[in-house]
Protein backbone atom coordinates (compact mmCIF):
# COMPACT_ATOMS: atom_id res chain seq x y z
CA MET A 1 7.81 7.52 0.68
CA PHE A 2 5.85 8.78 -2.90
CA GLY A 3 3.14 11.76 -2.85
CA GLU A 4 1.45 14.41 -4.14
CA ASP A 5 -1.09 17.44 -3.35
CA GLY A 6 -1.55 16.33 0.52
CA ARG A 7 -1.21 12.92 0.05
CA LEU A 8 1.77 10.72 1.01
CA TYR A 9 2.65 6.92 0.80
CA PHE A 10 4.81 5.07 2.76
CA ILE A 11 6.09 1.44 1.97
CA ASP A 12 7.84 -0.16 4.65
CA LEU A 13 9.78 -3.65 5.17
CA LEU A 14 10.10 -4.07 8.94
CA GLN A 15 10.77 -6.85 11.13
CA ALA A 16 8.08 -8.49 13.55
CA LYS A 17 8.66 -9.95 17.17
CA ASN A 18 8.97 -13.43 16.05
CA LYS A 19 11.75 -12.17 13.25
CA LYS A 20 9.21 -12.91 10.68
CA ALA A 21 9.43 -10.16 7.78
CA TYR A 22 6.28 -8.04 7.46
CA LEU A 23 4.92 -4.95 4.75
CA GLN A 24 3.02 -2.10 6.36
CA ILE A 25 1.67 0.10 3.47
CA THR A 26 0.63 3.50 4.97
CA ARG A 27 -1.49 6.35 3.22
CA ALA A 28 -1.19 9.87 4.92
CA ASP A 29 -3.48 12.54 3.58
CA TYR A 30 -2.79 16.37 5.27
CA LYS A 31 -6.27 17.84 7.50
CA ALA A 32 -6.32 21.66 8.29
CA LYS A 33 -3.50 22.60 10.69
CA GLU A 34 -0.40 20.67 9.20
CA LYS A 35 -2.20 17.41 10.73
CA TYR A 36 -2.30 14.31 8.84
CA GLU A 37 -4.68 11.24 9.19
CA ARG A 38 -3.40 8.30 8.35
CA SER A 39 -4.53 4.44 7.61
CA SER A 40 -2.38 1.28 7.61
CA ILE A 41 -3.06 -2.07 5.94
CA ILE A 42 -0.38 -4.78 7.85
CA LEU A 43 0.82 -7.45 5.13
CA PHE A 44 2.86 -11.44 6.83
CA GLU A 45 5.71 -12.51 5.05
CA ASP A 46 2.95 -16.08 4.29
CA ASP A 47 0.86 -13.45 2.55
CA PHE A 48 3.69 -11.93 0.06
CA GLU A 49 3.08 -13.89 -2.40
CA PHE A 50 -0.23 -14.03 -2.63
CA PHE A 51 -0.68 -9.94 -2.41
CA VAL A 52 2.34 -9.89 -5.37
CA GLU A 53 -0.19 -12.04 -7.25
CA ALA A 54 -3.31 -10.42 -6.59
CA VAL A 55 -1.67 -6.42 -7.89
CA ALA A 56 -0.22 -7.86 -10.82
CA MET A 57 -3.49 -9.71 -11.59
CA VAL A 58 -5.32 -6.63 -11.54
CA LEU A 59 -2.50 -4.63 -13.43
CA GLY A 60 -3.12 -6.39 -16.22
CA ARG A 61 -6.26 -6.11 -16.27
CA TYR A 62 -6.21 -2.54 -16.41
CA SER A 63 -3.46 -2.44 -18.84
CA HIS A 64 -5.95 -4.37 -21.11
CA GLY A 65 -8.24 -1.75 -20.44
CA GLU A 66 -10.26 -4.02 -18.14
CA GLY A 67 -11.91 -2.32 -14.99
CA ARG A 68 -11.82 1.17 -15.85
CA THR A 69 -14.41 3.31 -15.17
CA ALA A 70 -15.56 5.78 -17.35
């Protein structure tokens, strides 16, 4: 878990009923009256390699100044 200013992120590695691993990434935004609005994405084990490659590519471009907005 990490985050700040009313926004938290959770990254969990879980196991499905078929014994395969999946990654669940959840974002929780603080709303009024101590309630959180949550949204999640799930990545199945078969997609881990593709996901890691895609994130590495995006962060590589970002570190070289590409894709930044003014």
